[in-house]
């Protein structure tokens, strides 16, 4: 017989006791459990992580950041329009690549800001040993999957060893992209420009030149991360407003465009 208690979401923070039907949450990480599915999110200065306890496929999207897909026991699949499928034990996908992807097993997806790895025109295949090293660096060496105490800094260091170190940014650009993606995604671009001593048009031009992505698009990515961080504690509409989106529909469109899925798919089981 179906037990309605099974539909309750169970949330816990790494290092704390589980509380039935209650969330214990760290500032930038959360875990949701529903039926046989667990979703973990964590975000830090070096990386953002999603992890799921079952296979998942995302729709076509174009992310303004690097993505590393690390299946736990299965393999990753990537499909670009008009090209054959790429399949491997793991994949690193460069920013702005239009694609859909899937994992055939539980997985971790790491998102790294575009200026933190060396530029690359196409996806990088990872072999099984490289995937194991990345999972071990994150603190996930087996099939149990990560907790909210995942070591994002160590994961980024291992990923940088595989993908290559980036060229340094102009300090003004580095400060601007940090502001709009991590510290204050809702800060107006004119205010960001004033803080680094540039006009708004000149700042936009420098960011596009050094990073290869429009500053406004980077800011939307920062807002999306902020909204997802707040999802377990609020409605999608409130998370959207708090992060600076015009409304919930704007948040949903951005999530589909950038990560190929809706905010609701992170919170509830989809068929």
Protein backbone atom coordinates (compact mmCIF):
# COMPACT_ATOMS: atom_id res chain seq x y z
CA UNK A 1 0.00 0.00 0.00
CA UNK A 2 1.22 3.49 -0.81
CA UNK A 3 2.35 5.38 2.27
CA UNK A 4 1.69 9.16 1.85
CA UNK A 5 4.70 9.84 4.05
CA UNK A 6 6.85 8.57 1.17
CA UNK A 7 5.89 11.68 -0.82
CA UNK A 8 7.33 14.01 1.75
CA UNK A 9 10.64 15.60 0.89
CA UNK A 10 13.46 14.68 3.28
CA UNK A 11 16.28 17.13 3.40
CA UNK A 12 19.50 17.13 5.38
CA UNK A 13 22.82 18.90 5.52
CA UNK A 14 26.04 16.91 5.48
CA UNK A 15 27.30 16.32 9.03
CA UNK A 16 23.88 16.68 10.65
CA UNK A 17 21.26 14.14 11.65
CA UNK A 18 18.40 13.51 9.24
CA UNK A 19 15.08 14.94 10.39
CA UNK A 20 11.94 13.39 8.88
CA UNK A 21 10.09 15.96 6.77
CA UNK A 22 12.44 18.75 7.81
CA UNK A 23 15.27 20.57 6.11
CA UNK A 24 18.62 21.34 7.72
CA UNK A 25 20.39 23.55 5.25
CA UNK A 26 23.78 25.17 4.75
CA UNK A 27 23.90 28.61 3.07
CA UNK A 28 24.86 27.37 -0.41
CA UNK A 29 23.86 23.71 -0.46
CA UNK A 30 20.80 21.55 -0.11
CA UNK A 31 19.57 17.98 -0.59
CA UNK A 32 16.03 16.86 -1.44
CA UNK A 33 14.73 13.32 -1.14
CA UNK A 34 11.43 12.15 -2.59
CA UNK A 35 10.44 8.52 -3.02
CA UNK A 36 13.47 6.82 -4.64
CA UNK A 37 15.11 10.02 -5.89
CA UNK A 38 17.73 12.24 -4.27
CA UNK A 39 18.89 15.58 -5.66
CA UNK A 40 21.87 17.44 -4.20
CA UNK A 41 22.86 21.01 -5.03
CA UNK A 42 25.97 22.90 -3.91
CA UNK A 43 27.48 26.17 -5.08
CA UNK A 44 30.81 27.81 -4.29
CA UNK A 45 33.39 30.15 -5.76
CA UNK A 46 34.95 27.43 -7.92
CA UNK A 47 31.96 25.41 -9.09
CA UNK A 48 28.26 24.65 -8.88
CA UNK A 49 27.04 21.06 -8.63
CA UNK A 50 23.86 19.13 -9.32
CA UNK A 51 23.74 15.43 -8.50
CA UNK A 52 20.91 12.93 -8.90
CA UNK A 53 20.49 9.39 -7.67
CA UNK A 54 19.06 8.13 -10.97
CA UNK A 55 19.59 8.58 -14.72
CA UNK A 56 18.38 11.80 -16.30
CA UNK A 57 18.21 13.44 -19.73
CA UNK A 58 18.10 17.20 -20.31
CA UNK A 59 16.60 19.01 -23.30
CA UNK A 60 18.65 21.07 -25.80
CA UNK A 61 20.27 24.06 -24.11
CA UNK A 62 23.21 26.45 -24.30
CA UNK A 63 24.99 27.03 -21.00
CA UNK A 64 27.27 30.06 -20.50
CA UNK A 65 29.63 27.92 -18.39
CA UNK A 66 31.64 24.71 -18.59
CA UNK A 67 29.82 21.51 -17.66
CA UNK A 68 31.41 18.23 -16.57
CA UNK A 69 29.03 15.26 -16.64
CA UNK A 70 30.29 12.52 -14.32
CA UNK A 71 28.13 9.38 -14.36
CA UNK A 72 28.47 7.08 -11.37
CA UNK A 73 28.69 3.65 -12.97
CA UNK A 74 27.22 4.48 -16.37
CA UNK A 75 28.17 6.74 -19.25
CA UNK A 76 27.37 10.22 -20.57
CA UNK A 77 25.78 10.99 -23.94
CA UNK A 78 25.92 14.30 -25.82
CA UNK A 79 24.06 15.22 -28.99
CA UNK A 80 24.66 18.34 -31.08
CA UNK A 81 22.34 19.31 -33.94
CA UNK A 82 23.42 17.57 -37.15
CA UNK A 83 26.25 15.58 -35.55
CA UNK A 84 26.67 12.00 -34.35
CA UNK A 85 26.15 11.27 -30.67
CA UNK A 86 29.22 11.45 -28.44
CA UNK A 87 29.30 8.87 -25.64
CA UNK A 88 31.98 8.34 -23.00
CA UNK A 89 32.41 7.46 -19.30
CA UNK A 90 32.39 11.23 -18.70
CA UNK A 91 32.29 14.46 -20.69
CA UNK A 92 33.46 18.06 -20.34
CA UNK A 93 31.25 20.40 -22.39
CA UNK A 94 32.57 23.88 -23.28
CA UNK A 95 30.51 27.05 -22.74
CA UNK A 96 27.91 28.11 -25.30
CA UNK A 97 27.77 24.72 -27.04
CA UNK A 98 24.19 24.00 -28.15
CA UNK A 99 23.47 20.40 -27.15
CA UNK A 100 21.35 17.95 -25.23
CA UNK A 101 22.87 15.38 -22.90
CA UNK A 102 22.09 12.46 -20.66
CA UNK A 103 23.55 10.16 -18.05
CA UNK A 104 22.62 6.47 -18.07
CA UNK A 105 23.19 6.20 -14.31
CA UNK A 106 23.23 8.39 -11.19
CA UNK A 107 25.53 11.29 -11.90
CA UNK A 108 27.18 14.52 -10.84
CA UNK A 109 27.13 17.57 -13.09
CA UNK A 110 29.75 20.23 -12.30
CA UNK A 111 29.34 23.75 -13.69
CA UNK A 112 32.46 25.91 -13.92
CA UNK A 113 32.43 29.56 -14.97
CA UNK A 114 33.71 30.04 -18.51
CA UNK A 115 36.89 31.95 -17.60
CA UNK A 116 38.11 29.32 -15.12
CA UNK A 117 39.24 26.71 -17.69
CA UNK A 118 41.21 26.86 -20.94
CA UNK A 119 39.15 27.58 -24.05
CA UNK A 120 38.18 24.53 -26.12
CA UNK A 121 36.02 24.31 -29.28
CA UNK A 122 34.30 21.00 -28.57
CA UNK A 123 33.47 18.40 -25.91
CA UNK A 124 36.28 16.58 -24.12
CA UNK A 125 35.85 12.84 -23.50
CA UNK A 126 36.85 11.53 -20.10
CA UNK A 127 37.88 7.92 -19.58
CA UNK A 128 36.74 5.86 -16.60
CA UNK A 129 39.93 6.55 -14.63
CA UNK A 130 39.58 10.30 -15.06
CA UNK A 131 35.96 10.16 -13.93
CA UNK A 132 36.99 8.15 -10.85
CA UNK A 133 39.66 10.74 -9.97
CA UNK A 134 37.17 13.58 -10.27
CA UNK A 135 34.60 11.76 -8.13
CA UNK A 136 37.27 10.98 -5.52
CA UNK A 137 38.37 14.64 -5.46
CA UNK A 138 34.77 15.68 -4.84
CA UNK A 139 34.51 13.14 -2.03
CA UNK A 140 32.27 10.74 -3.98
CA UNK A 141 34.32 7.62 -4.69
CA UNK A 142 31.41 5.15 -4.77
CA UNK A 143 27.78 4.75 -5.80
CA UNK A 144 26.34 6.51 -2.76
CA UNK A 145 26.56 9.90 -4.43
CA UNK A 146 27.64 13.19 -2.89
CA UNK A 147 26.45 14.97 0.20
CA UNK A 148 26.19 18.71 0.66
CA UNK A 149 29.73 18.70 2.07
CA UNK A 150 31.15 17.94 -1.39
CA UNK A 151 34.64 19.41 -1.97
CA UNK A 152 34.01 21.72 -4.93
CA UNK A 153 37.46 23.32 -4.71
CA UNK A 154 39.20 19.95 -5.01
CA UNK A 155 36.90 18.95 -7.85
CA UNK A 156 37.73 22.14 -9.74
CA UNK A 157 41.47 21.62 -9.20
CA UNK A 158 41.26 18.10 -10.66
CA UNK A 159 39.11 19.32 -13.55
CA UNK A 160 41.57 22.10 -14.33
CA UNK A 161 44.38 19.52 -14.49
CA UNK A 162 42.39 17.70 -17.18
CA UNK A 163 41.04 20.64 -19.19
CA UNK A 164 43.89 23.15 -18.76
CA UNK A 165 44.48 26.41 -16.94
CA UNK A 166 42.90 29.56 -18.39
CA UNK A 167 44.60 32.78 -19.40
CA UNK A 168 44.33 35.47 -16.70
CA UNK A 169 41.56 38.03 -17.05
CA UNK A 170 41.90 41.79 -17.03
CA UNK A 171 41.45 42.59 -13.29
CA UNK A 172 38.49 44.89 -14.07
CA UNK A 173 36.79 42.13 -16.01
CA UNK A 174 37.54 39.59 -13.28
CA UNK A 175 35.96 41.85 -10.65
CA UNK A 176 32.93 42.56 -12.84
CA UNK A 177 32.16 38.93 -13.62
CA UNK A 178 32.61 38.00 -9.95
CA UNK A 179 30.09 40.66 -8.99
CA UNK A 180 27.48 39.66 -11.54
CA UNK A 181 27.76 35.89 -11.16
CA UNK A 182 28.55 35.29 -7.48
CA UNK A 183 28.40 38.30 -5.21
CA UNK A 184 25.43 40.32 -6.49
CA UNK A 185 23.76 39.07 -9.71
CA UNK A 186 21.03 41.69 -9.37
CA UNK A 187 23.50 44.61 -9.37
CA UNK A 188 22.84 46.92 -12.38
CA UNK A 189 25.50 46.78 -15.07
CA UNK A 190 26.00 50.56 -14.81
CA UNK A 191 26.80 50.15 -11.10
CA UNK A 192 29.24 47.32 -11.87
CA UNK A 193 30.92 49.52 -14.48
CA UNK A 194 31.22 52.42 -12.05
CA UNK A 195 32.79 50.14 -9.45
CA UNK A 196 35.58 49.10 -11.86
CA UNK A 197 36.06 52.63 -13.30
CA UNK A 198 34.66 51.99 -16.79
CA UNK A 199 31.67 53.07 -18.81
CA UNK A 200 28.98 50.42 -19.22
CA UNK A 201 29.59 50.03 -22.99
CA UNK A 202 33.35 49.67 -22.46
CA UNK A 203 32.85 47.08 -19.72
CA UNK A 204 30.47 45.09 -21.93
CA UNK A 205 33.02 45.14 -24.74
CA UNK A 206 35.89 44.03 -22.49
CA UNK A 207 33.87 41.16 -21.01
CA UNK A 208 32.86 39.92 -24.45
CA UNK A 209 36.48 40.20 -25.62
CA UNK A 210 38.05 38.43 -22.61
CA UNK A 211 35.30 35.96 -21.71
CA UNK A 212 33.50 35.50 -25.02
CA UNK A 213 30.04 35.81 -23.45
CA UNK A 214 27.84 38.88 -22.99
CA UNK A 215 27.85 40.35 -19.48
CA UNK A 216 24.06 40.32 -19.41
CA UNK A 217 24.06 36.59 -20.11
CA UNK A 218 26.59 35.95 -17.35
CA UNK A 219 24.40 37.91 -14.96
CA UNK A 220 21.37 35.78 -15.86
CA UNK A 221 23.49 32.70 -15.07
CA UNK A 222 24.33 34.21 -11.68
CA UNK A 223 20.65 34.92 -11.03
CA UNK A 224 19.72 31.37 -11.98
CA UNK A 225 22.21 29.94 -9.47
CA UNK A 226 20.84 32.24 -6.78
CA UNK A 227 17.26 31.20 -7.52
CA UNK A 228 18.11 27.49 -7.45
CA UNK A 229 19.92 27.96 -4.13
CA UNK A 230 16.68 29.29 -2.66
CA UNK A 231 14.31 26.70 -4.17
CA UNK A 232 13.90 24.41 -1.14
CA UNK A 233 13.01 27.30 1.15
CA UNK A 234 10.44 29.10 -1.00
CA UNK A 235 8.10 28.92 -3.95
CA UNK A 236 9.56 29.22 -7.44
CA UNK A 237 7.87 32.62 -7.78
CA UNK A 238 9.54 33.93 -4.61
CA UNK A 239 12.92 32.46 -5.59
CA UNK A 240 12.59 34.17 -8.98
CA UNK A 241 11.76 37.54 -7.45
CA UNK A 242 14.54 37.31 -4.86
CA UNK A 243 17.10 36.51 -7.56
CA UNK A 244 16.05 39.45 -9.72
CA UNK A 245 13.95 37.77 -12.42
CA UNK A 246 10.92 39.61 -13.77
CA UNK A 247 8.65 36.72 -12.79
CA UNK A 248 8.51 32.94 -12.43
CA UNK A 249 8.10 32.49 -16.20
CA UNK A 250 11.35 34.38 -16.78
CA UNK A 251 13.14 32.07 -14.35
CA UNK A 252 11.69 28.98 -16.06
CA UNK A 253 12.71 30.19 -19.54
CA UNK A 254 16.24 30.93 -18.34
CA UNK A 255 16.55 27.50 -16.71
CA UNK A 256 15.40 25.77 -19.91
CA UNK A 257 17.76 27.87 -22.04
CA UNK A 258 20.79 27.40 -19.78
CA UNK A 259 20.47 23.93 -18.22
CA UNK A 260 17.79 22.20 -20.31
CA UNK A 261 15.32 21.65 -17.49
CA UNK A 262 12.85 23.54 -15.34
CA UNK A 263 13.27 24.53 -11.69
CA UNK A 264 10.30 22.27 -10.89
CA UNK A 265 12.21 19.24 -12.20
CA UNK A 266 14.76 19.74 -9.43
CA UNK A 267 12.11 19.56 -6.75
CA UNK A 268 9.63 16.97 -7.96
CA UNK A 269 9.67 13.64 -9.75
CA UNK A 270 8.87 14.01 -13.45
CA UNK A 271 7.57 11.18 -15.61
